[in-house]
Amino acid sequence: MLKTRVITAIVLLTILLAVLFVLPPIYLGGFFLLLLMASAWEWSRLILPNQPWLAYFYASACLLIIAGLMLLHQPLGPFALMFFASIFWLLIAPLMLSRGLKINLKKWSAPYFILGLVLLPATWFSVMFLREIGLLFLLSTMALVWIADIGAYFVGKAIGKRRLAPEISPGKSIEGAVGGLVLCYIYAGLCTFYLAPTLTLFGVWTYRFGWLPMFLMVTALTFLSIFGDLFESQFKRLAGVKDSSRLLPGHGGVLDRVDALIPVMPIAVLLVGFL
C-alpha cells in the first residue's frame, strides 16, 4: 500500500512540475481542469451513488460553467463565484461542521448538488487568477495548505491526544492542528524575510499592513484548510464511504487530495483583491 502511494505521488508530482515549469501556462489550466472534473465526478457520486451516469453530467456541467464564464469575458462572473464560495466557507461551512453527522444527505442532496457547482469552478478560477499574478505567488499559497497538512499529520502522530473532530475525523487532533499552524507561521515568515515582497501573498501583506496582520491572515488560511479537510471527511461519512473514489491508487480520490485547497484558493484571491 505504501509503495503504491509513493509511486502515485511521484507520478503526480512529476506531472505537476512539468506543467508548472516546462510547459506553457495554458497547460496548467488544462491540468487543473482535469482535476476539477474528476473532483466533480466524485462529488456527484457521493451525493447519488446509485446514479453513476449523473456524475459525468455533473462534471460536464462544471466544465460548461467555466467555459461559459470565460466566453463572456467578464470578470464579474468568476469573482461572483469566488465571493459566494468564500461566504460559504466563512459563514456556512462552520455551521454544517458543527452538525457533525446529523445531516441527512438524501434530504440535502439538492443543496449539495448546487454547492459543488459553485465551489469547484470557483477553485479553478482562483488558481488561474493567482497564476496570472505569478507562478511563485500561486505555488507559495498552495504550499501553505500542504505544509499545514504535513505539520498536522506528523505532530498529531507524535503528540496528538485530544481529538479535533472525533465524530467527523477521529484521526485529527488539536495538537496536530496547532503544530501545522506553527509550521505555517515559520514558512510564511521565511517567505516574507527571504523573498521580494511582491512575490508572495505573505510578503505583500507584511509590506502593506505589518507582521501581525500577516500572521493573522496565515492563521485564517490555515484554519480554512482544516475546514476543507473536515468538510470533505464529513461529506464522505454522510455518504458512507472511506474515499471519494479510487482514481488515485493508494490515495483514494482526487477530492481527497484537493479538499483543503478548495476553501483557501478563492479566499486568497479575495485577500489579493482587498489589497
C-alpha atoms as a PDB file:
ATOM      1  CA  MET A   1       0.000   0.000   0.000  1.00  0.00           C
ATOM      2  CA  LEU A   2       2.790   2.426   0.930  1.00  0.00           C
ATOM      3  CA  LYS A   3       4.707   1.577  -2.250  1.00  0.00           C
ATOM      4  CA  THR A   4       1.631   2.266  -4.388  1.00  0.00           C
ATOM      5  CA  ARG A   5       1.026   5.518  -2.547  1.00  0.00           C
ATOM      6  CA  VAL A   6       4.608   6.679  -3.095  1.00  0.00           C
ATOM      7  CA  ILE A   7       4.579   5.769  -6.804  1.00  0.00           C
ATOM      8  CA  THR A   8       1.313   7.638  -7.357  1.00  0.00           C
ATOM      9  CA  ALA A   9       2.659  10.681  -5.510  1.00  0.00           C
ATOM     10  CA  ILE A  10       5.848  10.697  -7.616  1.00  0.00           C
ATOM     11  CA  VAL A  11       3.871  10.469 -10.869  1.00  0.00           C
ATOM     12  CA  LEU A  12       1.545  13.298  -9.831  1.00  0.00           C
ATOM     13  CA  LEU A  13       4.437  15.466  -8.670  1.00  0.00           C
ATOM     14  CA  THR A  14       6.307  14.884 -11.941  1.00  0.00           C
ATOM     15  CA  ILE A  15       3.262  15.912 -13.970  1.00  0.00           C
ATOM     16  CA  LEU A  16       2.674  18.981 -11.797  1.00  0.00           C
ATOM     17  CA  LEU A  17       6.294  20.144 -12.019  1.00  0.00           C
ATOM     18  CA  ALA A  18       6.313  19.667 -15.795  1.00  0.00           C
ATOM     19  CA  VAL A  19       3.083  21.643 -16.162  1.00  0.00           C
ATOM     20  CA  LEU A  20       4.377  24.421 -13.920  1.00  0.00           C
ATOM     21  CA  PHE A  21       7.946  24.844 -15.122  1.00  0.00           C
ATOM     22  CA  VAL A  22       8.266  23.297 -18.587  1.00  0.00           C
ATOM     23  CA  LEU A  23       5.006  23.691 -20.465  1.00  0.00           C
ATOM     24  CA  PRO A  24       3.208  26.964 -21.381  1.00  0.00           C
ATOM     25  CA  PRO A  25       0.708  28.332 -18.800  1.00  0.00           C
ATOM     26  CA  ILE A  26      -2.300  27.075 -20.786  1.00  0.00           C
ATOM     27  CA  TYR A  27      -1.349  23.507 -19.809  1.00  0.00           C
ATOM     28  CA  LEU A  28      -1.658  24.438 -16.147  1.00  0.00           C
ATOM     29  CA  GLY A  29      -5.261  25.435 -16.797  1.00  0.00           C
ATOM     30  CA  GLY A  30      -5.879  22.137 -18.571  1.00  0.00           C
ATOM     31  CA  PHE A  31      -4.271  20.107 -15.797  1.00  0.00           C
ATOM     32  CA  PHE A  32      -6.336  21.733 -13.072  1.00  0.00           C
ATOM     33  CA  LEU A  33      -9.415  21.468 -15.260  1.00  0.00           C
ATOM     34  CA  LEU A  34      -8.942  17.701 -15.370  1.00  0.00           C
ATOM     35  CA  LEU A  35      -8.571  17.660 -11.576  1.00  0.00           C
ATOM     36  CA  LEU A  36     -11.719  19.765 -11.259  1.00  0.00           C
ATOM     37  CA  MET A  37     -13.779  17.486 -13.496  1.00  0.00           C
ATOM     38  CA  ALA A  38     -12.545  14.399 -11.631  1.00  0.00           C
ATOM     39  CA  SER A  39     -13.479  16.076  -8.343  1.00  0.00           C
ATOM     40  CA  ALA A  40     -16.919  16.963  -9.731  1.00  0.00           C
ATOM     41  CA  TRP A  41     -17.398  13.361 -10.861  1.00  0.00           C
ATOM     42  CA  GLU A  42     -16.580  12.179  -7.347  1.00  0.00           C
ATOM     43  CA  TRP A  43     -18.754  14.877  -5.747  1.00  0.00           C
ATOM     44  CA  SER A  44     -21.823  13.683  -7.648  1.00  0.00           C
ATOM     45  CA  ARG A  45     -21.122  10.035  -6.821  1.00  0.00           C
ATOM     46  CA  LEU A  46     -21.019  10.908  -3.113  1.00  0.00           C
ATOM     47  CA  ILE A  47     -24.460  12.520  -3.358  1.00  0.00           C
ATOM     48  CA  LEU A  48     -26.141   9.992  -5.645  1.00  0.00           C
ATOM     49  CA  PRO A  49     -24.040   6.793  -5.729  1.00  0.00           C
ATOM     50  CA  ASN A  50     -26.793   4.801  -7.456  1.00  0.00           C
ATOM     51  CA  GLN A  51     -26.849   7.092 -10.497  1.00  0.00           C
ATOM     52  CA  PRO A  52     -23.316   6.872 -11.940  1.00  0.00           C
ATOM     53  CA  TRP A  53     -24.397   8.397 -15.274  1.00  0.00           C
ATOM     54  CA  LEU A  54     -25.220  11.623 -13.446  1.00  0.00           C
ATOM     55  CA  ALA A  55     -21.596  12.002 -12.353  1.00  0.00           C
ATOM     56  CA  TYR A  56     -20.487  12.506 -15.968  1.00  0.00           C
ATOM     57  CA  PHE A  57     -23.240  15.060 -16.484  1.00  0.00           C
ATOM     58  CA  TYR A  58     -22.159  16.846 -13.315  1.00  0.00           C
ATOM     59  CA  ALA A  59     -18.515  17.012 -14.400  1.00  0.00           C
ATOM     60  CA  SER A  60     -19.656  18.339 -17.796  1.00  0.00           C
ATOM     61  CA  ALA A  61     -21.818  20.946 -16.064  1.00  0.00           C
ATOM     62  CA  CYS A  62     -18.792  22.277 -14.160  1.00  0.00           C
ATOM     63  CA  LEU A  63     -16.869  22.433 -17.426  1.00  0.00           C
ATOM     64  CA  LEU A  64     -19.710  24.329 -19.120  1.00  0.00           C
ATOM     65  CA  ILE A  65     -19.895  26.831 -16.252  1.00  0.00           C
ATOM     66  CA  ILE A  66     -16.188  27.580 -16.609  1.00  0.00           C
ATOM     67  CA  ALA A  67     -16.332  27.725 -20.410  1.00  0.00           C
ATOM     68  CA  GLY A  68     -19.417  29.956 -20.365  1.00  0.00           C
ATOM     69  CA  LEU A  69     -17.919  32.447 -17.937  1.00  0.00           C
ATOM     70  CA  MET A  70     -14.685  32.546 -19.917  1.00  0.00           C
ATOM     71  CA  LEU A  71     -16.544  33.193 -23.180  1.00  0.00           C
ATOM     72  CA  LEU A  72     -18.358  36.129 -21.606  1.00  0.00           C
ATOM     73  CA  HIS A  73     -15.005  37.852 -20.966  1.00  0.00           C
ATOM     74  CA  GLN A  74     -16.483  39.494 -17.877  1.00  0.00           C
ATOM     75  CA  PRO A  75     -14.533  39.187 -14.613  1.00  0.00           C
ATOM     76  CA  LEU A  76     -17.696  39.774 -12.592  1.00  0.00           C
ATOM     77  CA  GLY A  77     -18.907  36.181 -13.098  1.00  0.00           C
ATOM     78  CA  PRO A  78     -15.793  34.371 -11.822  1.00  0.00           C
ATOM     79  CA  PHE A  79     -15.406  36.856  -8.974  1.00  0.00           C
ATOM     80  CA  ALA A  80     -19.049  36.319  -8.002  1.00  0.00           C
ATOM     81  CA  LEU A  81     -18.379  32.577  -7.819  1.00  0.00           C
ATOM     82  CA  MET A  82     -15.290  33.158  -5.680  1.00  0.00           C
ATOM     83  CA  PHE A  83     -17.192  35.583  -3.459  1.00  0.00           C
ATOM     84  CA  PHE A  84     -20.076  33.162  -2.827  1.00  0.00           C
ATOM     85  CA  ALA A  85     -17.595  30.334  -2.243  1.00  0.00           C
ATOM     86  CA  SER A  86     -15.802  32.489   0.333  1.00  0.00           C
ATOM     87  CA  ILE A  87     -19.068  33.354   2.080  1.00  0.00           C
ATOM     88  CA  PHE A  88     -19.863  29.657   2.298  1.00  0.00           C
ATOM     89  CA  TRP A  89     -16.506  28.734   3.842  1.00  0.00           C
ATOM     90  CA  LEU A  90     -16.515  31.628   6.287  1.00  0.00           C
ATOM     91  CA  LEU A  91     -20.132  31.510   7.460  1.00  0.00           C
ATOM     92  CA  ILE A  92     -21.964  28.341   6.429  1.00  0.00           C
ATOM     93  CA  ALA A  93     -19.337  25.586   6.497  1.00  0.00           C
ATOM     94  CA  PRO A  94     -18.592  26.031  10.245  1.00  0.00           C
ATOM     95  CA  LEU A  95     -22.316  25.638  10.967  1.00  0.00           C
ATOM     96  CA  MET A  96     -22.505  22.494   8.860  1.00  0.00           C
ATOM     97  CA  LEU A  97     -19.426  21.038  10.558  1.00  0.00           C
ATOM     98  CA  SER A  98     -20.963  21.748  13.958  1.00  0.00           C
ATOM     99  CA  ARG A  99     -23.852  19.458  12.980  1.00  0.00           C
ATOM    100  CA  GLY A 100     -21.485  16.514  12.740  1.00  0.00           C
ATOM    101  CA  LEU A 101     -23.240  13.504  11.225  1.00  0.00           C
ATOM    102  CA  LYS A 102     -26.756  14.756  11.961  1.00  0.00           C
ATOM    103  CA  ILE A 103     -27.211  15.995   8.383  1.00  0.00           C
ATOM    104  CA  ASN A 104     -29.402  13.786   6.195  1.00  0.00           C
ATOM    105  CA  LEU A 105     -27.570  13.676   2.869  1.00  0.00           C
ATOM    106  CA  LYS A 106     -30.623  12.381   0.999  1.00  0.00           C
ATOM    107  CA  LYS A 107     -32.739  15.322   2.127  1.00  0.00           C
ATOM    108  CA  TRP A 108     -29.908  17.770   1.463  1.00  0.00           C
ATOM    109  CA  SER A 109     -28.845  16.294  -1.871  1.00  0.00           C
ATOM    110  CA  ALA A 110     -30.088  19.304  -3.882  1.00  0.00           C
ATOM    111  CA  PRO A 111     -28.136  21.922  -1.824  1.00  0.00           C
ATOM    112  CA  TYR A 112     -25.005  19.756  -2.001  1.00  0.00           C
ATOM    113  CA  PHE A 113     -25.538  19.373  -5.733  1.00  0.00           C
ATOM    114  CA  ILE A 114     -25.707  23.147  -6.240  1.00  0.00           C
ATOM    115  CA  LEU A 115     -22.869  23.753  -3.804  1.00  0.00           C
ATOM    116  CA  GLY A 116     -20.415  21.726  -5.868  1.00  0.00           C
ATOM    117  CA  LEU A 117     -21.281  23.740  -8.984  1.00  0.00           C
ATOM    118  CA  VAL A 118     -20.140  26.856  -7.118  1.00  0.00           C
ATOM    119  CA  LEU A 119     -17.172  25.659  -5.070  1.00  0.00           C
ATOM    120  CA  LEU A 120     -15.381  23.617  -7.729  1.00  0.00           C
ATOM    121  CA  PRO A 121     -15.441  26.155 -10.601  1.00  0.00           C
ATOM    122  CA  ALA A 122     -14.568  28.896  -8.086  1.00  0.00           C
ATOM    123  CA  THR A 123     -11.447  26.936  -7.126  1.00  0.00           C
ATOM    124  CA  TRP A 124     -10.351  26.652 -10.758  1.00  0.00           C
ATOM    125  CA  PHE A 125     -10.803  30.370 -11.406  1.00  0.00           C
ATOM    126  CA  SER A 126      -8.912  31.115  -8.184  1.00  0.00           C
ATOM    127  CA  VAL A 127      -5.937  29.020  -9.248  1.00  0.00           C
ATOM    128  CA  MET A 128      -5.874  30.701 -12.658  1.00  0.00           C
ATOM    129  CA  PHE A 129      -6.111  34.167 -11.122  1.00  0.00           C
ATOM    130  CA  LEU A 130      -3.228  33.540  -8.726  1.00  0.00           C
ATOM    131  CA  ARG A 131      -1.193  32.124 -11.610  1.00  0.00           C
ATOM    132  CA  GLU A 132      -1.792  35.356 -13.536  1.00  0.00           C
ATOM    133  CA  ILE A 133      -0.164  37.247 -10.672  1.00  0.00           C
ATOM    134  CA  GLY A 134       2.847  34.944 -10.733  1.00  0.00           C
ATOM    135  CA  LEU A 135       3.895  31.315 -10.604  1.00  0.00           C
ATOM    136  CA  LEU A 136       5.595  31.734  -7.240  1.00  0.00           C
ATOM    137  CA  PHE A 137       2.563  33.600  -5.909  1.00  0.00           C
ATOM    138  CA  LEU A 138       0.389  30.582  -6.743  1.00  0.00           C
ATOM    139  CA  LEU A 139       2.871  27.981  -5.529  1.00  0.00           C
ATOM    140  CA  SER A 140       3.584  29.716  -2.226  1.00  0.00           C
ATOM    141  CA  THR A 141      -0.138  29.951  -1.470  1.00  0.00           C
ATOM    142  CA  MET A 142      -0.749  26.296  -2.309  1.00  0.00           C
ATOM    143  CA  ALA A 143       2.332  25.284  -0.321  1.00  0.00           C
ATOM    144  CA  LEU A 144       0.790  26.816   2.812  1.00  0.00           C
ATOM    145  CA  VAL A 145      -2.006  24.236   2.583  1.00  0.00           C
ATOM    146  CA  TRP A 146       0.425  21.364   2.041  1.00  0.00           C
ATOM    147  CA  ILE A 147       2.639  22.474   4.932  1.00  0.00           C
ATOM    148  CA  ALA A 148      -0.361  22.766   7.259  1.00  0.00           C
ATOM    149  CA  ASP A 149      -1.381  19.223   6.326  1.00  0.00           C
ATOM    150  CA  ILE A 150       2.137  17.791   6.714  1.00  0.00           C
ATOM    151  CA  GLY A 151       2.676  19.551  10.042  1.00  0.00           C
ATOM    152  CA  ALA A 152      -0.687  18.409  11.381  1.00  0.00           C
ATOM    153  CA  TYR A 153      -0.001  14.815  10.356  1.00  0.00           C
ATOM    154  CA  PHE A 154       3.436  14.442  11.920  1.00  0.00           C
ATOM    155  CA  VAL A 155       2.756  16.474  15.057  1.00  0.00           C
ATOM    156  CA  GLY A 156      -0.546  14.656  15.508  1.00  0.00           C
ATOM    157  CA  LYS A 157       1.189  11.298  15.154  1.00  0.00           C
ATOM    158  CA  ALA A 158       3.865  12.310  17.667  1.00  0.00           C
ATOM    159  CA  ILE A 159       1.910  14.011  20.439  1.00  0.00           C
ATOM    160  CA  GLY A 160      -1.748  14.163  19.365  1.00  0.00           C
ATOM    161  CA  LYS A 161      -4.128  13.217  22.181  1.00  0.00           C
ATOM    162  CA  ARG A 162      -7.178  15.470  22.030  1.00  0.00           C
ATOM    163  CA  ARG A 163      -9.424  14.810  19.041  1.00  0.00           C
ATOM    164  CA  LEU A 164     -10.247  17.825  16.889  1.00  0.00           C
ATOM    165  CA  ALA A 165     -13.496  16.446  15.457  1.00  0.00           C
ATOM    166  CA  PRO A 166     -13.899  12.872  16.760  1.00  0.00           C
ATOM    167  CA  GLU A 167     -17.242  12.236  15.054  1.00  0.00           C
ATOM    168  CA  ILE A 168     -16.149  13.505  11.641  1.00  0.00           C
ATOM    169  CA  SER A 169     -12.432  12.676  11.506  1.00  0.00           C
ATOM    170  CA  PRO A 170     -11.096  10.710  14.505  1.00  0.00           C
ATOM    171  CA  GLY A 171      -7.521  10.812  13.190  1.00  0.00           C
ATOM    172  CA  LYS A 172      -7.151  14.579  13.511  1.00  0.00           C
ATOM    173  CA  SER A 173      -6.001  16.127  16.772  1.00  0.00           C
ATOM    174  CA  ILE A 174      -5.908  19.607  18.275  1.00  0.00           C
ATOM    175  CA  GLU A 175      -2.166  19.226  18.843  1.00  0.00           C
ATOM    176  CA  GLY A 176      -1.722  18.355  15.160  1.00  0.00           C
ATOM    177  CA  ALA A 177      -3.676  21.410  14.050  1.00  0.00           C
ATOM    178  CA  VAL A 178      -1.584  23.657  16.302  1.00  0.00           C
ATOM    179  CA  GLY A 179       1.608  22.034  15.039  1.00  0.00           C
ATOM    180  CA  GLY A 180       0.560  22.631  11.442  1.00  0.00           C
ATOM    181  CA  LEU A 181      -0.241  26.257  12.251  1.00  0.00           C
ATOM    182  CA  VAL A 182       3.161  26.861  13.859  1.00  0.00           C
ATOM    183  CA  LEU A 183       4.885  25.336  10.833  1.00  0.00           C
ATOM    184  CA  CYS A 184       2.850  27.649   8.584  1.00  0.00           C
ATOM    185  CA  TYR A 185       3.976  30.642  10.663  1.00  0.00           C
ATOM    186  CA  ILE A 186       7.596  29.631  10.134  1.00  0.00           C
ATOM    187  CA  TYR A 187       7.052  29.079   6.422  1.00  0.00           C
ATOM    188  CA  ALA A 188       5.267  32.413   5.888  1.00  0.00           C
ATOM    189  CA  GLY A 189       7.938  34.210   7.904  1.00  0.00           C
ATOM    190  CA  LEU A 190      10.714  32.712   5.774  1.00  0.00           C
ATOM    191  CA  CYS A 191       8.887  33.659   2.574  1.00  0.00           C
ATOM    192  CA  THR A 192       8.485  37.216   3.795  1.00  0.00           C
ATOM    193  CA  PHE A 193      12.057  37.535   5.027  1.00  0.00           C
ATOM    194  CA  TYR A 194      13.902  35.990   2.087  1.00  0.00           C
ATOM    195  CA  LEU A 195      11.701  36.764  -0.940  1.00  0.00           C
ATOM    196  CA  ALA A 196      10.750  40.063  -2.532  1.00  0.00           C
ATOM    197  CA  PRO A 197       7.521  41.460  -1.001  1.00  0.00           C
ATOM    198  CA  THR A 198       5.518  41.235  -4.237  1.00  0.00           C
ATOM    199  CA  LEU A 199       6.309  37.565  -4.902  1.00  0.00           C
ATOM    200  CA  THR A 200       4.043  36.034  -2.227  1.00  0.00           C
ATOM    201  CA  LEU A 201       0.776  36.850  -0.543  1.00  0.00           C
ATOM    202  CA  PHE A 202       2.583  36.841   2.807  1.00  0.00           C
ATOM    203  CA  GLY A 203       5.151  39.373   1.638  1.00  0.00           C
ATOM    204  CA  VAL A 204       2.514  41.682   0.205  1.00  0.00           C
ATOM    205  CA  TRP A 205       0.516  41.642   3.430  1.00  0.00           C
ATOM    206  CA  THR A 206       3.563  42.232   5.588  1.00  0.00           C
ATOM    207  CA  TYR A 207       4.669  45.120   3.381  1.00  0.00           C
ATOM    208  CA  ARG A 208       1.204  46.676   3.415  1.00  0.00           C
ATOM    209  CA  PHE A 209      -0.025  46.009   6.951  1.00  0.00           C
ATOM    210  CA  GLY A 210       2.822  44.609   9.060  1.00  0.00           C
ATOM    211  CA  TRP A 211       3.835  41.283  10.550  1.00  0.00           C
ATOM    212  CA  LEU A 212       0.933  40.782  12.962  1.00  0.00           C
ATOM    213  CA  PRO A 213      -1.816  41.140  10.313  1.00  0.00           C
ATOM    214  CA  MET A 214       0.150  38.768   8.073  1.00  0.00           C
ATOM    215  CA  PHE A 215       0.283  36.111  10.787  1.00  0.00           C
ATOM    216  CA  LEU A 216      -3.437  36.617  11.453  1.00  0.00           C
ATOM    217  CA  MET A 217      -4.067  36.042   7.754  1.00  0.00           C
ATOM    218  CA  VAL A 218      -1.948  32.876   7.857  1.00  0.00           C
ATOM    219  CA  THR A 219      -3.969  31.713  10.861  1.00  0.00           C
ATOM    220  CA  ALA A 220      -7.222  32.223   8.954  1.00  0.00           C
ATOM    221  CA  LEU A 221      -5.989  30.427   5.823  1.00  0.00           C
ATOM    222  CA  THR A 222      -4.621  27.528   7.860  1.00  0.00           C
ATOM    223  CA  PHE A 223      -7.905  27.039   9.674  1.00  0.00           C
ATOM    224  CA  LEU A 224      -9.756  27.269   6.369  1.00  0.00           C
ATOM    225  CA  SER A 225      -7.602  24.459   5.004  1.00  0.00           C
ATOM    226  CA  ILE A 226      -8.627  22.405   8.044  1.00  0.00           C
ATOM    227  CA  PHE A 227     -12.290  23.296   7.367  1.00  0.00           C
ATOM    228  CA  GLY A 228     -11.926  21.998   3.818  1.00  0.00           C
ATOM    229  CA  ASP A 229     -10.421  18.741   5.014  1.00  0.00           C
ATOM    230  CA  LEU A 230     -13.073  18.261   7.700  1.00  0.00           C
ATOM    231  CA  PHE A 231     -15.902  19.210   5.337  1.00  0.00           C
ATOM    232  CA  GLU A 232     -14.888  16.514   2.860  1.00  0.00           C
ATOM    233  CA  SER A 233     -14.471  13.995   5.693  1.00  0.00           C
ATOM    234  CA  GLN A 234     -17.985  14.850   6.884  1.00  0.00           C
ATOM    235  CA  PHE A 235     -19.268  14.583   3.308  1.00  0.00           C
ATOM    236  CA  LYS A 236     -17.771  11.094   2.905  1.00  0.00           C
ATOM    237  CA  ARG A 237     -19.075   9.879   6.257  1.00  0.00           C
ATOM    238  CA  LEU A 238     -22.560  11.103   5.409  1.00  0.00           C
ATOM    239  CA  ALA A 239     -22.246   9.198   2.132  1.00  0.00           C
ATOM    240  CA  GLY A 240     -20.949   6.126   3.977  1.00  0.00           C
ATOM    241  CA  VAL A 241     -17.626   5.816   2.115  1.00  0.00           C
ATOM    242  CA  LYS A 242     -13.962   5.931   3.135  1.00  0.00           C
ATOM    243  CA  ASP A 243     -12.564   7.588  -0.018  1.00  0.00           C
ATOM    244  CA  SER A 244     -14.173   9.846  -2.596  1.00  0.00           C
ATOM    245  CA  SER A 245     -13.131   7.315  -5.290  1.00  0.00           C
ATOM    246  CA  ARG A 246     -10.247   5.049  -6.296  1.00  0.00           C
ATOM    247  CA  LEU A 247      -8.905   7.200  -9.102  1.00  0.00           C
ATOM    248  CA  LEU A 248      -5.535   7.657  -7.380  1.00  0.00           C
ATOM    249  CA  PRO A 249      -4.071   4.306  -6.269  1.00  0.00           C
ATOM    250  CA  GLY A 250      -3.010   4.447  -2.643  1.00  0.00           C
ATOM    251  CA  HIS A 251      -4.519   7.907  -2.143  1.00  0.00           C
ATOM    252  CA  GLY A 252      -8.231   7.454  -2.762  1.00  0.00           C
ATOM    253  CA  GLY A 253      -9.846  10.113  -4.926  1.00  0.00           C
ATOM    254  CA  VAL A 254      -8.852  13.455  -6.380  1.00  0.00           C
ATOM    255  CA  LEU A 255     -11.229  15.197  -3.990  1.00  0.00           C
ATOM    256  CA  ASP A 256      -9.320  13.609  -1.104  1.00  0.00           C
ATOM    257  CA  ARG A 257      -6.157  15.351  -2.306  1.00  0.00           C
ATOM    258  CA  VAL A 258      -7.561  18.806  -3.108  1.00  0.00           C
ATOM    259  CA  ASP A 259     -10.142  19.206  -0.327  1.00  0.00           C
ATOM    260  CA  ALA A 260      -8.001  21.608   1.730  1.00  0.00           C
ATOM    261  CA  LEU A 261      -7.255  23.782  -1.318  1.00  0.00           C
ATOM    262  CA  ILE A 262     -10.921  24.347  -2.176  1.00  0.00           C
ATOM    263  CA  PRO A 263     -11.636  26.896   0.612  1.00  0.00           C
ATOM    264  CA  VAL A 264      -8.183  28.529   0.627  1.00  0.00           C
ATOM    265  CA  MET A 265      -7.844  29.430  -3.059  1.00  0.00           C
ATOM    266  CA  PRO A 266     -10.914  31.702  -3.508  1.00  0.00           C
ATOM    267  CA  ILE A 267     -10.337  33.470  -0.196  1.00  0.00           C
ATOM    268  CA  ALA A 268      -6.687  34.052  -1.141  1.00  0.00           C
ATOM    269  CA  VAL A 269      -7.955  35.758  -4.303  1.00  0.00           C
ATOM    270  CA  LEU A 270     -10.307  37.976  -2.289  1.00  0.00           C
ATOM    271  CA  LEU A 271      -7.416  38.895   0.009  1.00  0.00           C
ATOM    272  CA  VAL A 272      -5.444  39.937  -3.052  1.00  0.00           C
ATOM    273  CA  GLY A 273      -8.437  41.942  -4.273  1.00  0.00           C
ATOM    274  CA  PHE A 274      -8.660  43.614  -0.881  1.00  0.00           C
ATOM    275  CA  LEU A 275      -5.119  44.882  -1.410  1.00  0.00           C
END
